[in-house]
Amino acid sequence: MKKMLAVTAAAAASVAAAAVLKNAREMQKELDEKLSMPVADENKKAILVVSFGTSYEETREKTIGAIEEDFREAFPDFEIRRAFTSGMIIRKLRERDGIEIDSVAQALEKLYNEGFDTVICQPTHVMNGFEFDDVRAEVANWREKFTHLVCGWPLLTSFEDYQLVTQALCGEFSDIGENTALVLMGHGTEHPANATYPALDYYLKAQGCKHFFIGTVEGYPDLETVMKGVSSIHADKVLLAPLMVVAGDHAINDMCGDEDSWQQQFERAGYQTEAILKGLGEYPSIRQIYRKHCEQCIERLK
């Protein structure tokens, strides 16, 4: 009996010692991780400009590049960084052009390792769709790593945004003729945020822009719906322009390409057409809305 008790006690002591050793190792590992963590510098602040991206260099710098440059001028205390949300575009730029663009996760990891204390993620997306959902989820993953990390809103989020975008579009296209319809092509999505497009169309018309029409490539309103609307105002000319930050693949091919594009379909229907390959990012009045969203983030930080 005494021998069994001794064996049991020894086993218990061994288990206890192993537990103590395990705890000590875990504590040491945790300490090592803390010691290896970057030290945040409260003077290091960054604005990460997050765009879907484009593989077309010329429109990229006229739009995304112009937004980033505006941010550099407006927020001199912040370093401006770039990230794209389209993995396909990131891969294409790397493989075709040798250009490395970070994903949101890669950009945030670099900022963290470089000791940035404050980071604003400002998207250039038009509406709150799948891409923006992914951005917010990634920001949430990194929130505990930074002292301050906030995410701004896409172009069309609040009612005030609709007012500002309407003012901007009316200002940019104030000289179209009475017999001309302006058709703005958006991307469209299966996300509930696709309601952004008909909402903007409705608000434009409510403000007297009855010759303005919003259509989408992959959502609603579709081209058939837009063509019915254009027919109802008896227009004889159609201006086509992208409702996208960049005049990229959709604008070049779907809007005014050679094969069954929107421009060709309007021409077959008897309209004189003109395509404007100019992304929203080229309009100073639109870029100002993105700056306003970034300013709201700075106010939240205060």
Protein backbone atom coordinates (compact mmCIF):
# COMPACT_ATOMS: atom_id res chain seq x y z
CA MET A 1 0.00 0.00 0.00
CA LYS A 2 2.79 2.40 0.93
CA LYS A 3 4.57 1.52 -2.31
CA MET A 4 1.43 2.32 -4.37
CA LEU A 5 1.00 5.63 -2.56
CA ALA A 6 4.60 6.51 -3.28
CA VAL A 7 4.20 5.68 -6.98
CA THR A 8 1.01 7.75 -7.17
CA ALA A 9 2.67 10.70 -5.45
CA ALA A 10 5.64 10.50 -7.79
CA ALA A 11 3.36 10.41 -10.82
CA ALA A 12 1.40 13.40 -9.53
CA ALA A 13 4.63 15.28 -8.91
CA SER A 14 5.79 14.44 -12.43
CA VAL A 15 2.54 15.71 -13.95
CA ALA A 16 2.74 18.88 -11.87
CA ALA A 17 6.32 19.45 -12.92
CA ALA A 18 5.41 18.96 -16.56
CA ALA A 19 2.55 21.45 -16.20
CA VAL A 20 4.86 23.98 -14.59
CA LEU A 21 7.40 23.48 -17.39
CA LYS A 22 4.69 23.85 -20.04
CA ASN A 23 3.41 27.04 -18.43
CA ALA A 24 6.93 28.39 -18.21
CA ARG A 25 7.51 27.67 -21.90
CA GLU A 26 4.22 29.31 -22.86
CA MET A 27 5.03 32.35 -20.73
CA GLN A 28 8.48 32.58 -22.29
CA LYS A 29 6.97 32.27 -25.78
CA GLU A 30 4.47 35.02 -25.00
CA LEU A 31 7.26 37.20 -23.62
CA ASP A 32 9.40 36.58 -26.72
CA GLU A 33 6.48 37.52 -28.96
CA LYS A 34 5.90 40.73 -27.02
CA LEU A 35 9.59 41.62 -27.16
CA SER A 36 9.63 41.04 -30.92
CA MET A 37 6.52 43.18 -31.56
CA PRO A 38 7.15 46.46 -33.36
CA VAL A 39 7.06 49.53 -31.16
CA ALA A 40 4.38 51.92 -32.40
CA ASP A 41 5.43 55.52 -32.94
CA GLU A 42 2.55 57.93 -32.26
CA ASN A 43 3.99 60.28 -34.89
CA LYS A 44 3.70 57.65 -37.62
CA LYS A 45 0.30 57.96 -39.32
CA ALA A 46 -0.85 56.56 -42.62
CA ILE A 47 -3.82 56.65 -44.96
CA LEU A 48 -4.21 53.40 -46.86
CA VAL A 49 -6.10 54.19 -50.07
CA VAL A 50 -7.92 50.97 -50.96
CA SER A 51 -9.12 50.56 -54.55
CA PHE A 52 -10.51 47.68 -56.58
CA GLY A 53 -7.65 48.36 -58.97
CA THR A 54 -7.06 48.40 -62.71
CA SER A 55 -4.47 47.00 -65.08
CA TYR A 56 -4.70 50.05 -67.37
CA GLU A 57 -1.76 52.28 -66.40
CA GLU A 58 -2.98 55.53 -67.97
CA THR A 59 -6.37 55.58 -66.25
CA ARG A 60 -4.84 54.23 -63.01
CA GLU A 61 -2.73 57.31 -62.47
CA LYS A 62 -5.41 59.72 -63.69
CA THR A 63 -7.92 58.34 -61.18
CA ILE A 64 -6.53 56.32 -58.28
CA GLY A 65 -3.24 58.19 -58.48
CA ALA A 66 -5.08 61.53 -58.53
CA ILE A 67 -7.09 60.60 -55.41
CA GLU A 68 -3.89 59.61 -53.62
CA GLU A 69 -2.15 62.82 -54.68
CA ASP A 70 -5.07 64.88 -53.39
CA PHE A 71 -4.72 63.08 -50.06
CA ARG A 72 -1.00 63.89 -49.91
CA GLU A 73 -1.78 67.58 -50.32
CA ALA A 74 -4.78 67.59 -47.95
CA PHE A 75 -3.23 65.44 -45.17
CA PRO A 76 0.51 66.21 -44.99
CA ASP A 77 0.85 64.57 -41.55
CA PHE A 78 -0.12 61.19 -43.04
CA GLU A 79 1.89 58.88 -45.26
CA ILE A 80 -0.20 57.70 -48.23
CA ARG A 81 -0.11 54.02 -49.15
CA ARG A 82 -1.89 52.01 -51.86
CA ALA A 83 -3.73 48.67 -51.75
CA PHE A 84 -5.98 46.86 -54.24
CA THR A 85 -8.80 44.45 -53.44
CA SER A 86 -8.78 42.58 -56.76
CA GLY A 87 -6.44 39.61 -56.52
CA MET A 88 -6.74 39.09 -60.28
CA ILE A 89 -5.48 42.60 -61.02
CA ILE A 90 -2.69 42.31 -58.44
CA ARG A 91 -1.49 39.07 -60.11
CA LYS A 92 -1.80 40.52 -63.63
CA LEU A 93 0.27 43.60 -62.74
CA ARG A 94 2.92 41.44 -61.08
CA GLU A 95 3.18 38.88 -63.90
CA ARG A 96 2.74 41.24 -66.88
CA ASP A 97 4.40 44.46 -65.70
CA GLY A 98 6.52 43.46 -62.72
CA ILE A 99 4.52 45.87 -60.54
CA GLU A 100 3.88 44.83 -56.94
CA ILE A 101 0.66 46.13 -55.40
CA ASP A 102 -0.29 45.10 -51.86
CA SER A 103 -3.54 43.52 -50.83
CA VAL A 104 -5.20 45.13 -47.81
CA ALA A 105 -3.79 42.46 -45.50
CA GLN A 106 -0.25 42.89 -46.90
CA ALA A 107 -0.42 46.67 -46.64
CA LEU A 108 -1.65 46.57 -43.03
CA GLU A 109 1.04 44.04 -42.10
CA LYS A 110 3.74 46.31 -43.54
CA LEU A 111 2.37 49.33 -41.67
CA TYR A 112 2.28 47.34 -38.45
CA ASN A 113 5.85 46.05 -38.88
CA GLU A 114 7.03 49.58 -39.62
CA GLY A 115 5.62 50.83 -36.32
CA PHE A 116 2.71 52.96 -37.53
CA ASP A 117 0.47 54.04 -34.69
CA THR A 118 -2.53 55.42 -36.60
CA VAL A 119 -3.98 54.09 -39.85
CA ILE A 120 -7.01 55.20 -41.85
CA CYS A 121 -8.28 52.77 -44.48
CA GLN A 122 -10.10 54.88 -47.08
CA PRO A 123 -11.75 52.90 -49.90
CA THR A 124 -12.36 54.37 -53.33
CA HIS A 125 -15.19 51.93 -54.06
CA VAL A 126 -18.42 53.45 -55.37
CA MET A 127 -20.78 51.62 -53.01
CA ASN A 128 -20.87 49.27 -50.01
CA GLY A 129 -20.69 45.95 -51.86
CA PHE A 130 -18.77 42.68 -51.48
CA GLU A 131 -15.37 44.34 -51.94
CA PHE A 132 -16.06 46.83 -49.16
CA ASP A 133 -17.35 44.04 -46.89
CA ASP A 134 -14.00 42.32 -47.34
CA VAL A 135 -12.11 45.53 -46.55
CA ARG A 136 -14.03 46.03 -43.31
CA ALA A 137 -13.49 42.41 -42.29
CA GLU A 138 -9.73 42.74 -42.88
CA VAL A 139 -9.58 45.98 -40.91
CA ALA A 140 -11.39 44.25 -38.04
CA ASN A 141 -8.70 41.53 -38.06
CA TRP A 142 -5.97 44.14 -37.51
CA ARG A 143 -7.75 46.53 -35.17
CA GLU A 144 -6.01 45.31 -31.99
CA LYS A 145 -2.59 45.65 -33.62
CA PHE A 146 -2.77 49.43 -33.96
CA THR A 147 -3.46 52.15 -31.42
CA HIS A 148 -5.88 53.70 -33.92
CA LEU A 149 -7.30 51.97 -36.98
CA VAL A 150 -10.47 53.22 -38.68
CA CYS A 151 -12.18 52.50 -41.99
CA GLY A 152 -13.79 55.19 -44.16
CA TRP A 153 -16.88 54.85 -46.34
CA PRO A 154 -17.28 54.37 -50.11
CA LEU A 155 -18.43 57.16 -52.40
CA LEU A 156 -22.19 56.56 -52.12
CA THR A 157 -23.03 55.79 -48.51
CA SER A 158 -25.02 58.55 -46.80
CA PHE A 159 -27.86 60.69 -48.13
CA GLU A 160 -25.45 63.61 -48.17
CA ASP A 161 -23.21 61.55 -50.49
CA TYR A 162 -26.08 61.22 -52.98
CA GLN A 163 -26.57 64.99 -52.84
CA LEU A 164 -22.86 65.67 -53.38
CA VAL A 165 -22.48 63.13 -56.19
CA THR A 166 -25.57 64.54 -57.92
CA GLN A 167 -24.14 68.05 -57.65
CA ALA A 168 -20.82 66.82 -59.01
CA LEU A 169 -22.37 65.02 -61.99
CA CYS A 170 -24.66 67.95 -62.80
CA GLY A 171 -21.65 70.25 -62.69
CA GLU A 172 -19.45 68.05 -64.86
CA PHE A 173 -22.17 67.50 -67.48
CA SER A 174 -23.93 70.85 -67.32
CA ASP A 175 -23.48 71.56 -71.02
CA ILE A 176 -25.27 68.56 -72.56
CA GLY A 177 -27.97 69.48 -75.05
CA GLU A 178 -31.72 69.19 -74.52
CA ASN A 179 -31.96 66.30 -76.96
CA THR A 180 -29.05 64.42 -75.38
CA ALA A 181 -29.23 61.62 -72.83
CA LEU A 182 -26.33 60.99 -70.45
CA VAL A 183 -25.97 57.28 -69.68
CA LEU A 184 -23.65 56.47 -66.79
CA MET A 185 -22.48 52.86 -66.70
CA GLY A 186 -21.97 51.29 -63.27
CA HIS A 187 -20.63 47.84 -62.54
CA GLY A 188 -23.63 46.27 -60.80
CA THR A 189 -23.57 43.47 -58.24
CA GLU A 190 -25.57 40.65 -56.67
CA HIS A 191 -24.97 42.33 -53.31
CA PRO A 192 -27.98 44.15 -51.77
CA ALA A 193 -25.97 47.34 -52.23
CA ASN A 194 -26.90 47.20 -55.93
CA ALA A 195 -29.88 49.33 -54.78
CA THR A 196 -27.38 52.22 -54.83
CA TYR A 197 -27.73 52.49 -58.61
CA PRO A 198 -31.52 52.88 -58.95
CA ALA A 199 -31.46 55.13 -55.85
CA LEU A 200 -28.98 57.47 -57.54
CA ASP A 201 -30.99 57.38 -60.78
CA TYR A 202 -34.15 58.28 -58.84
CA TYR A 203 -32.46 61.11 -56.93
CA LEU A 204 -30.92 62.58 -60.10
CA LYS A 205 -34.32 62.78 -61.73
CA ALA A 206 -35.89 64.18 -58.56
CA GLN A 207 -33.36 67.01 -58.79
CA GLY A 208 -34.37 67.81 -62.34
CA CYS A 209 -31.73 65.77 -64.19
CA LYS A 210 -34.33 63.99 -66.31
CA HIS A 211 -31.84 63.29 -69.10
CA PHE A 212 -29.46 61.41 -66.75
CA PHE A 213 -29.69 57.61 -66.64
CA ILE A 214 -27.85 55.09 -64.47
CA GLY A 215 -27.27 51.60 -65.87
CA THR A 216 -25.16 48.61 -64.84
CA VAL A 217 -23.23 45.86 -66.60
CA GLU A 218 -24.05 43.15 -64.07
CA GLY A 219 -27.05 44.40 -62.11
CA TYR A 220 -30.10 46.64 -62.31
CA PRO A 221 -30.94 48.92 -64.06
CA ASP A 222 -29.73 46.91 -67.06
CA LEU A 223 -29.15 48.23 -70.58
CA GLU A 224 -32.64 47.29 -71.76
CA THR A 225 -34.19 49.34 -68.95
CA VAL A 226 -31.92 52.30 -69.70
CA MET A 227 -32.73 52.22 -73.42
CA LYS A 228 -36.45 52.34 -72.64
CA GLY A 229 -35.85 55.38 -70.46
CA VAL A 230 -33.79 57.12 -73.15
CA SER A 231 -36.52 56.41 -75.70
CA SER A 232 -39.15 57.93 -73.41
CA ILE A 233 -37.49 61.39 -73.48
CA HIS A 234 -37.13 61.31 -77.30
CA ALA A 235 -33.39 61.92 -77.25
CA ASP A 236 -31.47 61.76 -80.50
CA LYS A 237 -27.97 61.67 -78.99
CA VAL A 238 -26.47 59.57 -76.20
CA LEU A 239 -23.38 60.37 -74.14
CA LEU A 240 -21.87 57.32 -72.49
CA ALA A 241 -19.61 57.64 -69.42
CA PRO A 242 -18.48 55.22 -66.70
CA LEU A 243 -19.93 55.46 -63.20
CA MET A 244 -16.73 53.82 -62.00
CA VAL A 245 -13.65 55.28 -60.39
CA VAL A 246 -11.47 54.17 -63.31
CA ALA A 247 -12.24 53.96 -67.03
CA GLY A 248 -10.92 50.43 -67.21
CA ASP A 249 -11.94 47.16 -68.81
CA HIS A 250 -15.71 47.63 -68.51
CA ALA A 251 -15.57 51.14 -69.93
CA ILE A 252 -13.23 50.23 -72.79
CA ASN A 253 -14.93 46.97 -73.78
CA ASP A 254 -18.51 46.83 -72.44
CA MET A 255 -19.28 50.50 -72.87
CA CYS A 256 -17.65 51.34 -76.19
CA GLY A 257 -15.92 48.20 -77.50
CA ASP A 258 -16.24 46.61 -80.93
CA GLU A 259 -18.42 43.64 -80.01
CA ASP A 260 -22.01 44.31 -78.91
CA SER A 261 -21.03 47.17 -76.60
CA TRP A 262 -23.52 49.67 -75.21
CA GLN A 263 -22.33 52.20 -77.77
CA GLN A 264 -22.98 49.81 -80.65
CA GLN A 265 -26.43 48.90 -79.36
CA PHE A 266 -27.45 52.56 -79.06
CA GLU A 267 -26.11 53.24 -82.56
CA ARG A 268 -28.09 50.32 -83.98
CA ALA A 269 -31.16 51.82 -82.30
CA GLY A 270 -30.59 55.00 -84.30
CA TYR A 271 -28.88 57.27 -81.77
CA GLN A 272 -25.85 59.42 -82.39
CA THR A 273 -23.42 58.37 -79.66
CA GLU A 274 -20.31 59.68 -77.97
CA ALA A 275 -18.24 57.80 -75.39
CA ILE A 276 -16.38 59.64 -72.63
CA LEU A 277 -13.56 57.46 -71.33
CA LYS A 278 -13.12 59.33 -68.09
CA GLY A 279 -13.37 57.62 -64.70
CA LEU A 280 -14.97 59.28 -61.68
CA GLY A 281 -11.54 59.67 -60.12
CA GLU A 282 -10.67 62.22 -62.80
CA TYR A 283 -13.34 64.64 -61.56
CA PRO A 284 -12.07 66.98 -58.78
CA SER A 285 -15.61 67.28 -57.39
CA ILE A 286 -15.80 63.50 -56.90
CA ARG A 287 -12.32 63.32 -55.37
CA GLN A 288 -13.43 65.98 -52.90
CA ILE A 289 -16.11 63.59 -51.58
CA TYR A 290 -13.47 60.95 -50.87
CA ARG A 291 -11.41 63.59 -49.04
CA LYS A 292 -14.48 64.49 -47.01
CA HIS A 293 -14.90 60.85 -45.97
CA CYS A 294 -11.25 60.77 -44.93
CA GLU A 295 -11.71 63.97 -42.92
CA GLN A 296 -14.61 62.29 -41.12
CA CYS A 297 -12.24 59.47 -40.14
CA ILE A 298 -9.77 61.99 -38.72
CA GLU A 299 -12.57 63.56 -36.70
CA ARG A 300 -13.46 60.12 -35.33
CA LEU A 301 -9.84 59.68 -34.24
CA LYS A 302 -10.00 62.93 -32.29
